[in-house]
Protein backbone atom coordinates (compact mmCIF):
# COMPACT_ATOMS: atom_id res chain seq x y z
CA UNK A 1 -112.54 -124.87 -184.74
CA UNK A 2 -116.14 -125.81 -185.50
CA UNK A 3 -115.37 -129.53 -184.72
CA UNK A 4 -113.75 -128.46 -181.50
CA UNK A 5 -116.69 -126.30 -180.43
CA UNK A 6 -119.09 -129.06 -181.51
CA UNK A 7 -117.31 -131.48 -179.21
CA UNK A 8 -117.37 -128.91 -176.40
CA UNK A 9 -121.10 -128.49 -176.96
CA UNK A 10 -121.70 -132.37 -176.64
CA UNK A 11 -119.56 -132.41 -173.46
CA UNK A 12 -121.44 -129.43 -171.90
CA UNK A 13 -124.77 -130.89 -172.82
CA UNK A 14 -123.93 -134.14 -171.07
CA UNK A 15 -122.83 -132.15 -167.98
CA UNK A 16 -125.77 -129.76 -168.18
CA UNK A 17 -128.39 -132.48 -168.93
CA UNK A 18 -127.29 -135.55 -166.77
CA UNK A 19 -125.64 -134.23 -163.63
CA UNK A 20 -128.46 -132.21 -162.15
CA UNK A 21 -130.65 -135.32 -162.28
CA UNK A 22 -128.31 -137.16 -159.89
CA UNK A 23 -127.24 -134.22 -157.84
CA UNK A 24 -129.65 -134.91 -154.97
CA UNK A 25 -128.52 -138.53 -154.77
CA UNK A 26 -124.78 -137.66 -154.70
CA UNK A 27 -122.74 -137.84 -151.51
CA UNK A 28 -119.67 -135.98 -150.63
CA UNK A 29 -117.33 -136.42 -147.66
CA UNK A 30 -117.17 -133.58 -145.15
CA UNK A 31 -113.39 -133.43 -145.51
CA UNK A 32 -113.84 -132.51 -149.21
CA UNK A 33 -115.96 -129.51 -148.25
CA UNK A 34 -114.55 -128.09 -145.09
CA UNK A 35 -111.35 -127.34 -143.34
CA UNK A 36 -110.49 -126.96 -139.62
CA UNK A 37 -110.44 -123.47 -138.39
CA UNK A 38 -106.85 -122.55 -137.29
CA UNK A 39 -105.19 -125.41 -139.05
CA UNK A 40 -103.54 -123.44 -141.86
CA UNK A 41 -100.43 -122.93 -144.01
CA UNK A 42 -97.78 -120.30 -143.25
CA UNK A 43 -95.74 -118.19 -145.76
CA UNK A 44 -92.17 -117.54 -145.39
CA UNK A 45 -89.77 -115.39 -147.38
CA UNK A 46 -85.98 -114.68 -147.72
CA UNK A 47 -83.49 -112.72 -149.72
CA UNK A 48 -80.68 -114.50 -151.40
CA UNK A 49 -78.23 -114.85 -154.27
CA UNK A 50 -78.25 -117.25 -157.27
CA UNK A 51 -74.73 -117.98 -158.64
CA UNK A 52 -73.35 -119.83 -161.67
CA UNK A 53 -75.30 -117.95 -164.31
CA UNK A 54 -73.73 -117.72 -167.75
CA UNK A 55 -73.78 -113.93 -167.97
CA UNK A 56 -77.57 -113.62 -167.63
CA UNK A 57 -77.37 -112.30 -164.03
CA UNK A 58 -78.14 -108.77 -162.99
CA UNK A 59 -75.87 -105.73 -162.87
CA UNK A 60 -77.19 -103.96 -159.83
CA UNK A 61 -74.97 -102.61 -157.24
CA UNK A 62 -76.93 -104.11 -154.41
CA UNK A 63 -76.09 -107.58 -155.83
CA UNK A 64 -72.36 -106.83 -155.86
CA UNK A 65 -72.55 -105.62 -152.22
CA UNK A 66 -74.36 -108.79 -151.34
CA UNK A 67 -71.71 -110.87 -152.99
CA UNK A 68 -69.05 -109.05 -151.17
CA UNK A 69 -70.71 -109.62 -147.78
CA UNK A 70 -71.30 -113.33 -148.66
CA UNK A 71 -67.63 -113.87 -149.36
CA UNK A 72 -66.72 -111.96 -146.21
CA UNK A 73 -68.87 -114.29 -144.25
CA UNK A 74 -67.06 -117.30 -145.90
CA UNK A 75 -63.68 -115.89 -144.91
CA UNK A 76 -62.64 -114.28 -148.09
CA UNK A 77 -61.93 -110.48 -148.02
CA UNK A 78 -62.59 -108.41 -151.23
CA UNK A 79 -61.69 -104.73 -151.08
CA UNK A 80 -64.21 -103.44 -153.48
CA UNK A 81 -67.53 -105.05 -154.50
CA UNK A 82 -66.99 -104.21 -158.28
CA UNK A 83 -64.12 -106.57 -158.34
CA UNK A 84 -66.82 -109.32 -158.64
CA UNK A 85 -67.67 -110.03 -162.39
CA UNK A 86 -71.14 -108.80 -163.20
CA UNK A 87 -73.71 -111.24 -164.82
CA UNK A 88 -72.61 -114.35 -162.97
CA UNK A 89 -75.03 -113.84 -160.08
CA UNK A 90 -78.43 -112.34 -159.36
CA UNK A 91 -80.28 -111.05 -156.31
CA UNK A 92 -83.51 -113.08 -155.68
CA UNK A 93 -86.42 -113.33 -153.41
CA UNK A 94 -87.07 -116.84 -152.13
CA UNK A 95 -90.65 -117.76 -151.05
CA UNK A 96 -92.23 -120.86 -149.71
CA UNK A 97 -95.33 -122.19 -147.99
CA UNK A 98 -94.99 -124.26 -144.82
CA UNK A 99 -97.85 -126.80 -144.38
CA UNK A 100 -99.53 -127.29 -140.89
CA UNK A 101 -97.80 -129.70 -138.49
CA UNK A 102 -94.46 -129.34 -140.30
CA UNK A 103 -91.59 -131.03 -138.30
CA UNK A 104 -87.89 -130.23 -137.94
CA UNK A 105 -86.14 -131.79 -141.00
CA UNK A 106 -89.07 -131.75 -143.36
CA UNK A 107 -88.42 -130.57 -146.94
CA UNK A 108 -90.64 -128.15 -148.73
CA UNK A 109 -90.58 -126.71 -152.25
CA UNK A 110 -89.41 -122.94 -152.80
CA UNK A 111 -89.92 -120.52 -155.54
CA UNK A 112 -87.06 -118.22 -156.57
CA UNK A 113 -87.67 -114.85 -158.41
CA UNK A 114 -85.13 -112.32 -159.73
CA UNK A 115 -85.36 -108.88 -158.27
CA UNK A 116 -83.24 -106.69 -160.71
CA UNK A 117 -82.43 -106.77 -164.37
CA UNK A 118 -81.50 -110.53 -164.46
CA UNK A 119 -82.28 -111.97 -168.01
CA UNK A 120 -82.43 -115.59 -166.83
CA UNK A 121 -81.93 -117.88 -163.82
CA UNK A 122 -81.37 -120.83 -166.09
CA UNK A 123 -78.53 -122.99 -164.84
CA UNK A 124 -78.26 -121.15 -161.61
CA UNK A 125 -77.67 -122.37 -157.97
CA UNK A 126 -79.26 -120.80 -154.92
CA UNK A 127 -76.78 -120.06 -152.17
CA UNK A 128 -77.99 -120.94 -148.64
CA UNK A 129 -80.82 -118.56 -147.75
CA UNK A 130 -82.69 -118.16 -144.49
CA UNK A 131 -86.43 -118.01 -144.82
CA UNK A 132 -88.32 -116.13 -142.21
CA UNK A 133 -91.89 -115.73 -140.92
CA UNK A 134 -93.55 -112.30 -140.79
CA UNK A 135 -92.58 -111.94 -137.14
CA UNK A 136 -88.79 -112.36 -138.15
CA UNK A 137 -88.29 -115.81 -136.85
CA UNK A 138 -86.17 -118.15 -138.95
CA UNK A 139 -88.27 -121.09 -140.11
CA UNK A 140 -86.29 -122.79 -142.88
CA UNK A 141 -83.13 -122.80 -144.90
CA UNK A 142 -83.12 -123.06 -148.77
CA UNK A 143 -80.36 -124.12 -151.11
CA UNK A 144 -79.88 -125.89 -154.36
CA UNK A 145 -80.04 -125.84 -158.26
CA UNK A 146 -82.94 -124.10 -159.91
CA UNK A 147 -85.36 -125.57 -162.39
CA UNK A 148 -86.93 -122.87 -164.58
CA UNK A 149 -88.73 -125.12 -167.03
CA UNK A 150 -87.84 -123.14 -170.16
CA UNK A 151 -85.07 -121.37 -172.09
CA UNK A 152 -84.44 -117.65 -172.95
CA UNK A 153 -81.84 -116.97 -175.68
CA UNK A 154 -80.82 -113.86 -177.60
CA UNK A 155 -78.41 -113.10 -180.39
CA UNK A 156 -77.88 -110.34 -182.88
CA UNK A 157 -80.68 -108.25 -181.62
CA UNK A 158 -83.13 -111.13 -181.82
CA UNK A 159 -84.49 -113.17 -178.86
CA UNK A 160 -86.57 -116.15 -178.27
CA UNK A 161 -87.96 -117.84 -175.07
CA UNK A 162 -90.26 -120.76 -174.26
CA UNK A 163 -91.19 -119.72 -170.69
CA UNK A 164 -90.49 -117.20 -168.07
CA UNK A 165 -86.97 -117.92 -166.92
CA UNK A 166 -86.59 -115.17 -164.37
CA UNK A 167 -88.53 -117.40 -161.81
CA UNK A 168 -87.62 -120.96 -160.93
CA UNK A 169 -88.35 -123.69 -158.37
CA UNK A 170 -86.32 -125.97 -156.21
CA UNK A 171 -88.33 -129.05 -155.39
CA UNK A 172 -87.59 -129.99 -151.77
CA UNK A 173 -85.05 -127.07 -151.71
CA UNK A 174 -85.81 -125.86 -148.16
CA UNK A 175 -85.31 -127.73 -144.79
CA UNK A 176 -87.61 -126.82 -141.92
CA UNK A 177 -85.54 -125.86 -138.90
CA UNK A 178 -88.15 -126.10 -136.18
CA UNK A 179 -91.46 -127.77 -135.54
CA UNK A 180 -94.54 -125.83 -136.44
CA UNK A 181 -97.09 -126.02 -133.64
CA UNK A 182 -100.68 -126.09 -134.75
CA UNK A 183 -103.55 -126.09 -132.24
CA UNK A 184 -106.60 -128.14 -133.15
CA UNK A 185 -109.61 -126.29 -131.93
CA UNK A 186 -110.00 -124.70 -128.62
CA UNK A 187 -110.61 -126.28 -125.06
CA UNK A 188 -113.64 -128.40 -125.74
CA UNK A 189 -114.71 -127.73 -129.33
CA UNK A 190 -113.65 -127.68 -132.99
CA UNK A 191 -114.91 -125.29 -135.62
CA UNK A 192 -115.29 -126.53 -139.23
CA UNK A 193 -115.19 -123.82 -141.95
CA UNK A 194 -116.62 -124.67 -145.37
CA UNK A 195 -114.79 -123.60 -148.51
CA UNK A 196 -117.75 -121.49 -149.74
CA UNK A 197 -120.58 -119.75 -147.90
CA UNK A 198 -123.78 -121.70 -148.15
CA UNK A 199 -126.51 -121.77 -145.44
CA UNK A 200 -128.07 -124.99 -146.79
CA UNK A 201 -124.82 -126.83 -146.90
CA UNK A 202 -123.75 -125.60 -143.36
CA UNK A 203 -127.11 -126.82 -142.17
CA UNK A 204 -126.79 -130.30 -143.69
CA UNK A 205 -123.17 -130.58 -142.31
CA UNK A 206 -124.31 -129.74 -138.77
CA UNK A 207 -127.29 -132.11 -138.95
CA UNK A 208 -124.96 -134.91 -140.12
CA UNK A 209 -122.36 -134.39 -137.41
CA UNK A 210 -125.00 -134.23 -134.77
CA UNK A 211 -125.44 -137.96 -135.22
CA UNK A 212 -122.17 -138.57 -133.57
CA UNK A 213 -121.45 -135.35 -131.57
CA UNK A 214 -123.24 -132.06 -130.69
CA UNK A 215 -122.86 -129.65 -133.62
CA UNK A 216 -124.38 -126.25 -134.43
CA UNK A 217 -124.24 -124.07 -137.54
CA UNK A 218 -122.70 -120.72 -136.41
CA UNK A 219 -123.15 -118.81 -139.63
CA UNK A 220 -123.19 -119.36 -143.42
CA UNK A 221 -119.59 -120.83 -143.36
CA UNK A 222 -118.78 -122.51 -140.13
CA UNK A 223 -120.03 -125.31 -137.87
CA UNK A 224 -119.10 -125.69 -134.21
CA UNK A 225 -118.59 -129.18 -133.08
CA UNK A 226 -118.31 -130.19 -129.32
CA UNK A 227 -115.70 -132.77 -128.61
CA UNK A 228 -117.17 -135.70 -126.59
CA UNK A 229 -115.44 -136.52 -123.33
CA UNK A 230 -114.14 -139.79 -124.65
CA UNK A 231 -112.24 -137.99 -127.42
CA UNK A 232 -110.96 -135.01 -125.48
CA UNK A 233 -107.44 -136.50 -125.50
CA UNK A 234 -107.77 -138.11 -128.99
CA UNK A 235 -108.89 -135.31 -131.25
CA UNK A 236 -107.20 -136.83 -134.30
CA UNK A 237 -109.35 -140.11 -134.10
CA UNK A 238 -112.43 -137.87 -133.48
CA UNK A 239 -111.70 -135.72 -136.67
CA UNK A 240 -111.09 -138.89 -138.60
CA UNK A 241 -114.63 -139.94 -137.86
CA UNK A 242 -116.14 -136.51 -138.67
CA UNK A 243 -114.29 -135.93 -141.93
CA UNK A 244 -115.42 -139.25 -143.44
CA UNK A 245 -119.12 -138.56 -142.82
CA UNK A 246 -121.04 -137.90 -146.00
CA UNK A 247 -123.49 -135.15 -146.89
CA UNK A 248 -125.53 -134.23 -150.00
CA UNK A 249 -123.89 -131.20 -151.59
CA UNK A 250 -125.90 -128.25 -152.88
CA UNK A 251 -125.96 -126.62 -156.33
CA UNK A 252 -123.71 -123.62 -156.44
CA UNK A 253 -124.49 -120.26 -157.94
CA UNK A 254 -124.41 -120.13 -161.70
CA UNK A 255 -120.91 -119.16 -162.76
CA UNK A 256 -118.82 -118.51 -165.84
CA UNK A 257 -115.01 -118.84 -165.11
CA UNK A 258 -112.65 -117.15 -167.50
CA UNK A 259 -108.90 -117.31 -167.72
CA UNK A 260 -107.78 -114.45 -170.06
CA UNK A 261 -104.16 -115.54 -170.08
CA UNK A 262 -104.85 -119.01 -171.54
CA UNK A 263 -108.21 -118.36 -173.26
CA UNK A 264 -109.93 -121.00 -171.06
CA UNK A 265 -113.76 -120.55 -170.55
CA UNK A 266 -115.73 -122.78 -168.23
CA UNK A 267 -119.51 -122.29 -168.35
CA UNK A 268 -121.76 -123.68 -165.52
CA UNK A 269 -124.78 -125.77 -166.29
CA UNK A 270 -127.27 -123.34 -164.93
CA UNK A 271 -126.18 -120.23 -166.81
CA UNK A 272 -129.20 -118.30 -168.24
CA UNK A 273 -129.45 -115.35 -170.64
CA UNK A 274 -131.93 -112.58 -170.87
CA UNK A 275 -132.91 -111.38 -174.40
CA UNK A 276 -129.74 -110.20 -176.08
CA UNK A 277 -128.11 -109.75 -179.47
CA UNK A 278 -124.41 -110.60 -180.00
CA UNK A 279 -122.48 -109.17 -182.97
CA UNK A 280 -119.19 -110.76 -183.76
CA UNK A 281 -116.71 -109.28 -186.30
CA UNK A 282 -113.44 -111.00 -186.94
CA UNK A 283 -110.70 -108.39 -187.16
CA UNK A 284 -106.97 -109.32 -187.37
CA UNK A 285 -104.22 -106.59 -187.09
CA UNK A 286 -100.67 -107.52 -188.15
CA UNK A 287 -97.72 -105.23 -187.67
CA UNK A 288 -94.39 -106.30 -189.20
CA UNK A 289 -91.04 -104.38 -189.07
CA UNK A 290 -88.27 -104.68 -191.68
CA UNK A 291 -84.87 -103.18 -190.90
CA UNK A 292 -83.19 -101.64 -193.87
CA UNK A 293 -80.16 -99.35 -194.69
CA UNK A 294 -80.16 -96.26 -196.70
CA UNK A 295 -76.89 -96.21 -198.69
CA UNK A 296 -76.22 -92.97 -200.76
CA UNK A 297 -74.28 -93.26 -204.14
CA UNK A 298 -70.58 -92.71 -204.42
CA UNK A 299 -70.97 -88.96 -205.56
CA UNK A 300 -73.50 -87.98 -202.99
CA UNK A 301 -72.40 -86.43 -199.72
CA UNK A 302 -74.94 -88.24 -197.56
CA UNK A 303 -74.35 -90.76 -194.83
CA UNK A 304 -75.36 -94.34 -194.32
CA UNK A 305 -78.55 -94.35 -192.24
CA UNK A 306 -80.50 -97.36 -190.89
CA UNK A 307 -84.32 -97.14 -190.78
CA UNK A 308 -87.39 -99.18 -190.36
CA UNK A 309 -90.25 -99.95 -192.66
CA UNK A 310 -93.49 -100.76 -190.88
CA UNK A 311 -96.36 -102.52 -192.59
CA UNK A 312 -99.78 -102.57 -191.07
CA UNK A 313 -102.30 -104.98 -192.46
CA UNK A 314 -105.92 -105.11 -191.26
CA UNK A 315 -108.17 -107.90 -192.42
CA UNK A 316 -111.82 -107.57 -191.57
CA UNK A 317 -114.49 -110.26 -192.26
CA UNK A 318 -118.23 -109.54 -192.21
CA UNK A 319 -119.69 -109.67 -188.79
CA UNK A 320 -122.55 -112.03 -187.79
CA UNK A 321 -125.73 -111.20 -185.79
CA UNK A 322 -127.21 -113.89 -183.53
CA UNK A 323 -130.42 -113.26 -181.49
CA UNK A 324 -130.80 -114.98 -178.20
CA UNK A 325 -134.31 -115.81 -177.10
CA UNK A 326 -135.54 -115.03 -173.42
CA UNK A 327 -134.28 -117.30 -170.74
CA UNK A 328 -131.75 -119.06 -172.92
CA UNK A 329 -129.82 -121.78 -171.32
CA UNK A 330 -126.32 -123.23 -171.75
CA UNK A 331 -127.36 -125.34 -174.72
CA UNK A 332 -128.66 -122.23 -176.61
CA UNK A 333 -125.58 -120.11 -175.73
CA UNK A 334 -122.95 -122.60 -176.92
CA UNK A 335 -124.98 -123.55 -180.00
CA UNK A 336 -125.34 -119.84 -181.04
CA UNK A 337 -121.70 -119.09 -180.49
CA UNK A 338 -120.71 -122.32 -182.35
CA UNK A 339 -122.84 -121.12 -185.27
CA UNK A 340 -120.78 -117.96 -185.67
CA UNK A 341 -117.47 -119.66 -185.12
CA UNK A 342 -116.36 -117.86 -182.06
CA UNK A 343 -112.85 -118.55 -180.73
CA UNK A 344 -112.23 -118.80 -176.95
CA UNK A 345 -110.50 -115.39 -176.87
CA UNK A 346 -113.53 -113.64 -178.55
CA UNK A 347 -115.85 -115.70 -176.36
CA UNK A 348 -114.31 -113.93 -173.27
CA UNK A 349 -115.09 -110.48 -174.67
CA UNK A 350 -118.58 -111.57 -175.54
CA UNK A 351 -119.24 -112.90 -172.10
CA UNK A 352 -117.93 -109.73 -170.50
CA UNK A 353 -120.27 -107.67 -172.61
CA UNK A 354 -123.34 -109.83 -171.86
CA UNK A 355 -122.55 -109.56 -168.13
CA UNK A 356 -122.20 -105.73 -168.40
CA UNK A 357 -125.42 -105.39 -170.25
CA UNK A 358 -127.25 -107.49 -167.61
CA UNK A 359 -128.03 -110.38 -170.03
CA UNK A 360 -125.84 -112.90 -168.46
CA UNK A 361 -127.55 -114.28 -165.38
CA UNK A 362 -124.51 -115.67 -163.64
CA UNK A 363 -121.30 -114.66 -161.80
CA UNK A 364 -118.50 -113.87 -164.22
CA UNK A 365 -115.30 -114.90 -162.57
CA UNK A 366 -112.06 -113.79 -164.16
CA UNK A 367 -108.84 -115.52 -162.94
């Protein structure tokens, strides 16, 4: 762990010590900082059935009714829905994102998620499902075998899984049924929206674009560009020129990004600390359960009873106290945490406490 944190320290020092010196001279294309207002993706959703499951499907009545209606539409009549064996199918919600300018016949990926008590979608096949927009209009049709990227097995009261298998994907599993019309700008202008609000960056983008076309910063996140007369009927070529222009980026606000699910912590180069003391104690709690059977002797009138023995073990190592001087920077923070051997999961808790106390002078973003 110390070697890992030491390597992390070296990498962060390189980032924190070298990049700011060259930040002023760096150039970034406008296309990497902005997007065109109105040119957007669209979400679609549908209700369907996954079949071919090896007994891992759901047992809900709604799924059986759906199966009965599906077979009726295919020309097969079943008197009662419970005639269909349970566990071989599952009701699912199918979602997808349609990119702008999608055309009839294009294929897109879909995500399939179980709705009821389905145990696993592994090995299942999605039956033809209509995907609709929020206005109810059919946009695409999805079908095909699922890829869940893991396994989920159980036997004798024990179970093991390597991934969440109640959600899967079908790459290229949906076919667009109609063209998606996307309007580029209004009658004589186009608005560029930057991906983060920054007055300085917006001003720089507007000044750079003004070299080829009239442009004005509207607010902290958008620039309005007038379309020259010669490009009025050739907006694609005009945007190609605009998006390849380069500007000098600005330094973003100091941030610490934390992913609690994976234990990932990314600390920005300009993170500062006010005077603070961090106490770290390593506590491990282990709970193990042993299933046993109480068997009375032959002359006793008792009954055989199963019971559980629970052992709780708590290991506590002495805590460490590290004092942070005023205006501490990234170097000081990582070096101090490295000295007490803080794991990424513990580092997340420490950062949250520092932010709550007002010591951490940065935005704490938890994803």
